Amino acid sequence: MDIGKLLGTIVKNNQEIFIRYGVVTARTATNTRISVQISGATTAVTGIRYLSSYTPTVADVVVCLINDNDLIVLGKLT
């Protein structure tokens, strides 16, 4: 999904979103989902999707977009 489309949909629907930092703790065998420990949490959230422009690596510090129960990794902090 394109980041512009994603943010456009959020703004259009007047949804509440939050941006949090996290650390990648694992990748699935097919590299389609990752596990992320959100800042302040003691356990990782599994099955997280990420933008196609990002190639996840364990221990990356990432920016996460959170809306209700949905969490998407936008990319890595440098």
PDB file of N, CA and C in Angstrom:
ATOM      1  N   MET A   1       0.841  -1.175   0.000  1.00  0.00           N
ATOM      2  CA  MET A   1       0.000   0.000   0.000  1.00  0.00           C
ATOM      3  C   MET A   1       0.890   1.245   0.000  1.00  0.00           C
ATOM      4  N   ASP A   2       0.508   2.210  -0.760  1.00  0.00           N
ATOM      5  CA  ASP A   2       1.213   3.485  -0.851  1.00  0.00           C
ATOM      6  C   ASP A   2       0.933   4.325   0.393  1.00  0.00           C
ATOM      7  N   ILE A   3       1.971   4.924   0.965  1.00  0.00           N
ATOM      8  CA  ILE A   3       1.814   5.709   2.199  1.00  0.00           C
ATOM      9  C   ILE A   3       0.866   6.885   1.999  1.00  0.00           C
ATOM     10  N   GLY A   4       0.894   7.499   0.828  1.00  0.00           N
ATOM     11  CA  GLY A   4      -0.010   8.609   0.538  1.00  0.00           C
ATOM     12  C   GLY A   4      -1.465   8.178   0.568  1.00  0.00           C
ATOM     13  N   LYS A   5      -1.760   7.026  -0.024  1.00  0.00           N
ATOM     14  CA  LYS A   5      -3.128   6.503  -0.022  1.00  0.00           C
ATOM     15  C   LYS A   5      -3.570   6.161   1.395  1.00  0.00           C
ATOM     16  N   LEU A   6      -2.666   5.546   2.153  1.00  0.00           N
ATOM     17  CA  LEU A   6      -2.974   5.171   3.523  1.00  0.00           C
ATOM     18  C   LEU A   6      -3.329   6.389   4.361  1.00  0.00           C
ATOM     19  N   LEU A   7      -2.487   7.402   4.321  1.00  0.00           N
ATOM     20  CA  LEU A   7      -2.749   8.614   5.102  1.00  0.00           C
ATOM     21  C   LEU A   7      -3.974   9.356   4.590  1.00  0.00           C
ATOM     22  N   GLY A   8      -4.185   9.348   3.273  1.00  0.00           N
ATOM     23  CA  GLY A   8      -5.380   9.978   2.707  1.00  0.00           C
ATOM     24  C   GLY A   8      -6.654   9.333   3.209  1.00  0.00           C
ATOM     25  N   THR A   9      -6.664   8.011   3.285  1.00  0.00           N
ATOM     26  CA  THR A   9      -7.822   7.291   3.796  1.00  0.00           C
ATOM     27  C   THR A   9      -8.077   7.622   5.257  1.00  0.00           C
ATOM     28  N   ILE A  10      -7.024   7.693   6.035  1.00  0.00           N
ATOM     29  CA  ILE A  10      -7.160   8.004   7.464  1.00  0.00           C
ATOM     30  C   ILE A  10      -7.748   9.398   7.658  1.00  0.00           C
ATOM     31  N   VAL A  11      -7.212  10.367   6.929  1.00  0.00           N
ATOM     32  CA  VAL A  11      -7.693  11.743   7.051  1.00  0.00           C
ATOM     33  C   VAL A  11      -9.132  11.844   6.561  1.00  0.00           C
ATOM     34  N   LYS A  12      -9.433  11.223   5.442  1.00  0.00           N
ATOM     35  CA  LYS A  12     -10.776  11.263   4.861  1.00  0.00           C
ATOM     36  C   LYS A  12     -11.817  10.697   5.818  1.00  0.00           C
ATOM     37  N   ASN A  13     -11.477   9.621   6.498  1.00  0.00           N
ATOM     38  CA  ASN A  13     -12.416   8.964   7.411  1.00  0.00           C
ATOM     39  C   ASN A  13     -12.373   9.519   8.826  1.00  0.00           C
ATOM     40  N   ASN A  14     -11.537  10.545   9.034  1.00  0.00           N
ATOM     41  CA  ASN A  14     -11.430  11.198  10.342  1.00  0.00           C
ATOM     42  C   ASN A  14     -11.130  10.195  11.459  1.00  0.00           C
ATOM     43  N   GLN A  15     -10.209   9.287  11.190  1.00  0.00           N
ATOM     44  CA  GLN A  15      -9.856   8.259  12.161  1.00  0.00           C
ATOM     45  C   GLN A  15      -8.780   8.768  13.118  1.00  0.00           C
ATOM     46  N   GLU A  16      -8.825   8.260  14.338  1.00  0.00           N
ATOM     47  CA  GLU A  16      -7.776   8.581  15.299  1.00  0.00           C
ATOM     48  C   GLU A  16      -6.618   7.615  15.088  1.00  0.00           C
ATOM     49  N   ILE A  17      -5.437   8.163  14.913  1.00  0.00           N
ATOM     50  CA  ILE A  17      -4.260   7.336  14.729  1.00  0.00           C
ATOM     51  C   ILE A  17      -3.177   7.758  15.706  1.00  0.00           C
ATOM     52  N   PHE A  18      -2.271   6.855  15.945  1.00  0.00           N
ATOM     53  CA  PHE A  18      -1.154   7.122  16.829  1.00  0.00           C
ATOM     54  C   PHE A  18       0.123   6.652  16.149  1.00  0.00           C
ATOM     55  N   ILE A  19       1.195   7.348  16.385  1.00  0.00           N
ATOM     56  CA  ILE A  19       2.493   6.933  15.882  1.00  0.00           C
ATOM     57  C   ILE A  19       3.346   6.553  17.083  1.00  0.00           C
ATOM     58  N   ARG A  20       3.912   5.350  17.027  1.00  0.00           N
ATOM     59  CA  ARG A  20       4.765   4.845  18.098  1.00  0.00           C
ATOM     60  C   ARG A  20       6.042   4.281  17.486  1.00  0.00           C
ATOM     61  N   TYR A  21       7.062   4.188  18.313  1.00  0.00           N
ATOM     62  CA  TYR A  21       8.300   3.545  17.900  1.00  0.00           C
ATOM     63  C   TYR A  21       8.289   2.115  18.406  1.00  0.00           C
ATOM     64  N   GLY A  22       9.015   1.255  17.720  1.00  0.00           N
ATOM     65  CA  GLY A  22       9.121  -0.130  18.141  1.00  0.00           C
ATOM     66  C   GLY A  22      10.419  -0.737  17.634  1.00  0.00           C
ATOM     67  N   VAL A  23      10.657  -1.978  18.018  1.00  0.00           N
ATOM     68  CA  VAL A  23      11.842  -2.711  17.593  1.00  0.00           C
ATOM     69  C   VAL A  23      11.386  -4.033  16.970  1.00  0.00           C
ATOM     70  N   VAL A  24      11.904  -4.337  15.800  1.00  0.00           N
ATOM     71  CA  VAL A  24      11.590  -5.600  15.132  1.00  0.00           C
ATOM     72  C   VAL A  24      12.262  -6.732  15.910  1.00  0.00           C
ATOM     73  N   THR A  25      11.469  -7.725  16.304  1.00  0.00           N
ATOM     74  CA  THR A  25      12.001  -8.841  17.087  1.00  0.00           C
ATOM     75  C   THR A  25      12.089 -10.130  16.291  1.00  0.00           C
ATOM     76  N   ALA A  26      11.325 -10.225  15.185  1.00  0.00           N
ATOM     77  CA  ALA A  26      11.343 -11.451  14.370  1.00  0.00           C
ATOM     78  C   ALA A  26      10.676 -11.184  13.026  1.00  0.00           C
ATOM     79  N   ARG A  27      10.995 -12.073  12.049  1.00  0.00           N
ATOM     80  CA  ARG A  27      10.338 -12.073  10.743  1.00  0.00           C
ATOM     81  C   ARG A  27       9.754 -13.453  10.510  1.00  0.00           C
ATOM     82  N   THR A  28       8.683 -13.513   9.727  1.00  0.00           N
ATOM     83  CA  THR A  28       8.139 -14.832   9.384  1.00  0.00           C
ATOM     84  C   THR A  28       9.052 -15.493   8.359  1.00  0.00           C
ATOM     85  N   ALA A  29       8.913 -16.795   8.203  1.00  0.00           N
ATOM     86  CA  ALA A  29       9.761 -17.545   7.271  1.00  0.00           C
ATOM     87  C   ALA A  29       9.595 -17.048   5.831  1.00  0.00           C
ATOM     88  N   THR A  30       8.406 -16.543   5.507  1.00  0.00           N
ATOM     89  CA  THR A  30       8.150 -16.050   4.147  1.00  0.00           C
ATOM     90  C   THR A  30       8.431 -14.557   4.011  1.00  0.00           C
ATOM     91  N   ASN A  31       8.864 -13.927   5.098  1.00  0.00           N
ATOM     92  CA  ASN A  31       9.174 -12.489   5.121  1.00  0.00           C
ATOM     93  C   ASN A  31       7.993 -11.605   4.727  1.00  0.00           C
ATOM     94  N   THR A  32       6.786 -12.036   5.063  1.00  0.00           N
ATOM     95  CA  THR A  32       5.608 -11.224   4.757  1.00  0.00           C
ATOM     96  C   THR A  32       5.061 -10.499   5.982  1.00  0.00           C
ATOM     97  N   ARG A  33       5.449 -10.934   7.156  1.00  0.00           N
ATOM     98  CA  ARG A  33       5.001 -10.311   8.408  1.00  0.00           C
ATOM     99  C   ARG A  33       6.176 -10.261   9.375  1.00  0.00           C
ATOM    100  N   ILE A  34       6.071  -9.347  10.349  1.00  0.00           N
ATOM    101  CA  ILE A  34       7.119  -9.228  11.356  1.00  0.00           C
ATOM    102  C   ILE A  34       6.498  -9.147  12.743  1.00  0.00           C
ATOM    103  N   SER A  35       7.337  -9.319  13.749  1.00  0.00           N
ATOM    104  CA  SER A  35       6.947  -9.102  15.136  1.00  0.00           C
ATOM    105  C   SER A  35       7.645  -7.835  15.608  1.00  0.00           C
ATOM    106  N   VAL A  36       6.909  -7.016  16.353  1.00  0.00           N
ATOM    107  CA  VAL A  36       7.433  -5.729  16.799  1.00  0.00           C
ATOM    108  C   VAL A  36       7.119  -5.540  18.276  1.00  0.00           C
ATOM    109  N   GLN A  37       8.132  -5.135  19.036  1.00  0.00           N
ATOM    110  CA  GLN A  37       7.915  -4.762  20.425  1.00  0.00           C
ATOM    111  C   GLN A  37       7.765  -3.246  20.453  1.00  0.00           C
ATOM    112  N   ILE A  38       6.549  -2.795  20.736  1.00  0.00           N
ATOM    113  CA  ILE A  38       6.241  -1.369  20.774  1.00  0.00           C
ATOM    114  C   ILE A  38       6.882  -0.756  22.007  1.00  0.00           C
ATOM    115  N   SER A  39       7.353   0.470  21.866  1.00  0.00           N
ATOM    116  CA  SER A  39       7.996   1.186  22.967  1.00  0.00           C
ATOM    117  C   SER A  39       7.141   1.139  24.224  1.00  0.00           C
ATOM    118  N   GLY A  40       7.731   0.697  25.315  1.00  0.00           N
ATOM    119  CA  GLY A  40       7.033   0.619  26.595  1.00  0.00           C
ATOM    120  C   GLY A  40       6.385  -0.725  26.868  1.00  0.00           C
ATOM    121  N   ALA A  41       6.294  -1.592  25.860  1.00  0.00           N
ATOM    122  CA  ALA A  41       5.667  -2.906  26.037  1.00  0.00           C
ATOM    123  C   ALA A  41       6.712  -3.929  26.478  1.00  0.00           C
ATOM    124  N   THR A  42       6.246  -4.998  27.102  1.00  0.00           N
ATOM    125  CA  THR A  42       7.156  -6.051  27.545  1.00  0.00           C
ATOM    126  C   THR A  42       7.157  -7.248  26.603  1.00  0.00           C
ATOM    127  N   THR A  43       6.152  -7.335  25.722  1.00  0.00           N
ATOM    128  CA  THR A  43       6.081  -8.427  24.756  1.00  0.00           C
ATOM    129  C   THR A  43       5.894  -7.862  23.347  1.00  0.00           C
ATOM    130  N   ALA A  44       6.226  -8.682  22.365  1.00  0.00           N
ATOM    131  CA  ALA A  44       6.101  -8.259  20.968  1.00  0.00           C
ATOM    132  C   ALA A  44       4.715  -8.580  20.418  1.00  0.00           C
ATOM    133  N   VAL A  45       4.286  -7.782  19.459  1.00  0.00           N
ATOM    134  CA  VAL A  45       3.055  -8.023  18.715  1.00  0.00           C
ATOM    135  C   VAL A  45       3.462  -8.765  17.441  1.00  0.00           C
ATOM    136  N   THR A  46       2.786  -9.864  17.139  1.00  0.00           N
ATOM    137  CA  THR A  46       3.160 -10.675  15.976  1.00  0.00           C
ATOM    138  C   THR A  46       2.226 -10.429  14.793  1.00  0.00           C
ATOM    139  N   GLY A  47       2.675 -10.822  13.614  1.00  0.00           N
ATOM    140  CA  GLY A  47       1.833 -10.744  12.421  1.00  0.00           C
ATOM    141  C   GLY A  47       1.635  -9.343  11.880  1.00  0.00           C
ATOM    142  N   ILE A  48       2.613  -8.480  12.060  1.00  0.00           N
ATOM    143  CA  ILE A  48       2.487  -7.076  11.664  1.00  0.00           C
ATOM    144  C   ILE A  48       2.894  -6.905  10.196  1.00  0.00           C
ATOM    145  N   ARG A  49       2.095  -6.149   9.455  1.00  0.00           N
ATOM    146  CA  ARG A  49       2.418  -5.833   8.067  1.00  0.00           C
ATOM    147  C   ARG A  49       3.312  -4.600   8.022  1.00  0.00           C
ATOM    148  N   TYR A  50       3.982  -4.442   6.889  1.00  0.00           N
ATOM    149  CA  TYR A  50       4.871  -3.289   6.713  1.00  0.00           C
ATOM    150  C   TYR A  50       4.808  -2.830   5.262  1.00  0.00           C
ATOM    151  N   LEU A  51       5.183  -1.583   5.023  1.00  0.00           N
ATOM    152  CA  LEU A  51       5.163  -1.039   3.673  1.00  0.00           C
ATOM    153  C   LEU A  51       6.171  -1.770   2.790  1.00  0.00           C
ATOM    154  N   SER A  52       5.834  -1.921   1.524  1.00  0.00           N
ATOM    155  CA  SER A  52       6.688  -2.671   0.602  1.00  0.00           C
ATOM    156  C   SER A  52       8.042  -1.999   0.374  1.00  0.00           C
ATOM    157  N   SER A  53       8.155  -0.730   0.659  1.00  0.00           N
ATOM    158  CA  SER A  53       9.427  -0.022   0.484  1.00  0.00           C
ATOM    159  C   SER A  53      10.426  -0.310   1.609  1.00  0.00           C
ATOM    160  N   TYR A  54       9.971  -0.990   2.657  1.00  0.00           N
ATOM    161  CA  TYR A  54      10.812  -1.289   3.816  1.00  0.00           C
ATOM    162  C   TYR A  54      11.212  -2.760   3.806  1.00  0.00           C
ATOM    163  N   THR A  55      12.479  -3.041   4.010  1.00  0.00           N
ATOM    164  CA  THR A  55      12.982  -4.406   4.151  1.00  0.00           C
ATOM    165  C   THR A  55      13.361  -4.623   5.615  1.00  0.00           C
ATOM    166  N   PRO A  56      12.557  -5.374   6.353  1.00  0.00           N
ATOM    167  CA  PRO A  56      12.785  -5.507   7.787  1.00  0.00           C
ATOM    168  C   PRO A  56      13.998  -6.360   8.143  1.00  0.00           C
ATOM    169  N   THR A  57      14.657  -5.949   9.220  1.00  0.00           N
ATOM    170  CA  THR A  57      15.764  -6.690   9.805  1.00  0.00           C
ATOM    171  C   THR A  57      15.545  -6.703  11.313  1.00  0.00           C
ATOM    172  N   VAL A  58      15.796  -7.838  11.940  1.00  0.00           N
ATOM    173  CA  VAL A  58      15.655  -7.927  13.394  1.00  0.00           C
ATOM    174  C   VAL A  58      16.540  -6.869  14.047  1.00  0.00           C
ATOM    175  N   ALA A  59      16.018  -6.191  15.044  1.00  0.00           N
ATOM    176  CA  ALA A  59      16.653  -5.130  15.825  1.00  0.00           C
ATOM    177  C   ALA A  59      16.501  -3.746  15.196  1.00  0.00           C
ATOM    178  N   ASP A  60      15.831  -3.634  14.037  1.00  0.00           N
ATOM    179  CA  ASP A  60      15.546  -2.309  13.481  1.00  0.00           C
ATOM    180  C   ASP A  60      14.624  -1.537  14.422  1.00  0.00           C
ATOM    181  N   VAL A  61      14.895  -0.251  14.584  1.00  0.00           N
ATOM    182  CA  VAL A  61      13.971   0.644  15.285  1.00  0.00           C
ATOM    183  C   VAL A  61      13.050   1.207  14.216  1.00  0.00           C
ATOM    184  N   VAL A  62      11.745   0.995  14.373  1.00  0.00           N
ATOM    185  CA  VAL A  62      10.783   1.330  13.332  1.00  0.00           C
ATOM    186  C   VAL A  62       9.711   2.298  13.828  1.00  0.00           C
ATOM    187  N   VAL A  63       9.076   2.960  12.867  1.00  0.00           N
ATOM    188  CA  VAL A  63       7.944   3.844  13.133  1.00  0.00           C
ATOM    189  C   VAL A  63       6.676   3.053  12.829  1.00  0.00           C
ATOM    190  N   CYS A  64       5.752   3.031  13.791  1.00  0.00           N
ATOM    191  CA  CYS A  64       4.527   2.251  13.655  1.00  0.00           C
ATOM    192  C   CYS A  64       3.313   3.173  13.654  1.00  0.00           C
ATOM    193  N   LEU A  65       2.364   2.878  12.787  1.00  0.00           N
ATOM    194  CA  LEU A  65       1.099   3.592  12.718  1.00  0.00           C
ATOM    195  C   LEU A  65       0.055   2.687  13.353  1.00  0.00           C
ATOM    196  N   ILE A  66      -0.642   3.202  14.377  1.00  0.00           N
ATOM    197  CA  ILE A  66      -1.610   2.394  15.108  1.00  0.00           C
ATOM    198  C   ILE A  66      -2.987   3.037  14.999  1.00  0.00           C
ATOM    199  N   ASN A  67      -3.976   2.226  14.603  1.00  0.00           N
ATOM    200  CA  ASN A  67      -5.366   2.651  14.512  1.00  0.00           C
ATOM    201  C   ASN A  67      -6.221   1.531  15.080  1.00  0.00           C
ATOM    202  N   ASP A  68      -6.818   1.767  16.232  1.00  0.00           N
ATOM    203  CA  ASP A  68      -7.577   0.729  16.937  1.00  0.00           C
ATOM    204  C   ASP A  68      -6.694  -0.504  17.118  1.00  0.00           C
ATOM    205  N   ASN A  69      -7.063  -1.635  16.513  1.00  0.00           N
ATOM    206  CA  ASN A  69      -6.272  -2.861  16.645  1.00  0.00           C
ATOM    207  C   ASN A  69      -5.331  -3.080  15.465  1.00  0.00           C
ATOM    208  N   ASP A  70      -5.310  -2.155  14.516  1.00  0.00           N
ATOM    209  CA  ASP A  70      -4.429  -2.280  13.355  1.00  0.00           C
ATOM    210  C   ASP A  70      -3.095  -1.608  13.624  1.00  0.00           C
ATOM    211  N   LEU A  71      -2.036  -2.271  13.214  1.00  0.00           N
ATOM    212  CA  LEU A  71      -0.680  -1.740  13.378  1.00  0.00           C
ATOM    213  C   LEU A  71       0.076  -1.986  12.078  1.00  0.00           C
ATOM    214  N   ILE A  72       0.665  -0.942  11.524  1.00  0.00           N
ATOM    215  CA  ILE A  72       1.449  -1.053  10.283  1.00  0.00           C
ATOM    216  C   ILE A  72       2.791  -0.397  10.520  1.00  0.00           C
ATOM    217  N   VAL A  73       3.851  -1.063  10.108  1.00  0.00           N
ATOM    218  CA  VAL A  73       5.185  -0.478  10.210  1.00  0.00           C
ATOM    219  C   VAL A  73       5.421   0.358   8.949  1.00  0.00           C
ATOM    220  N   LEU A  74       5.757   1.629   9.169  1.00  0.00           N
ATOM    221  CA  LEU A  74       5.988   2.533   8.040  1.00  0.00           C
ATOM    222  C   LEU A  74       7.415   2.454   7.532  1.00  0.00           C
ATOM    223  N   GLY A  75       8.361   2.172   8.416  1.00  0.00           N
ATOM    224  CA  GLY A  75       9.738   2.077   7.992  1.00  0.00           C
ATOM    225  C   GLY A  75      10.697   2.174   9.162  1.00  0.00           C
ATOM    226  N   LYS A  76      11.974   2.146   8.824  1.00  0.00           N
ATOM    227  CA  LYS A  76      13.068   2.151   9.806  1.00  0.00           C
ATOM    228  C   LYS A  76      13.556   3.559  10.073  1.00  0.00           C
ATOM    229  N   LEU A  77      13.884   3.831  11.342  1.00  0.00           N
ATOM    230  CA  LEU A  77      14.526   5.081  11.689  1.00  0.00           C
ATOM    231  C   LEU A  77      16.023   4.972  11.415  1.00  0.00           C
ATOM    232  N   THR A  78      16.621   6.049  10.959  1.00  0.00           N
ATOM    233  CA  THR A  78      18.065   6.019  10.719  1.00  0.00           C
ATOM    234  C   THR A  78      18.767   6.955  11.664  1.00  0.00           C
TER     235      THR A  78
END
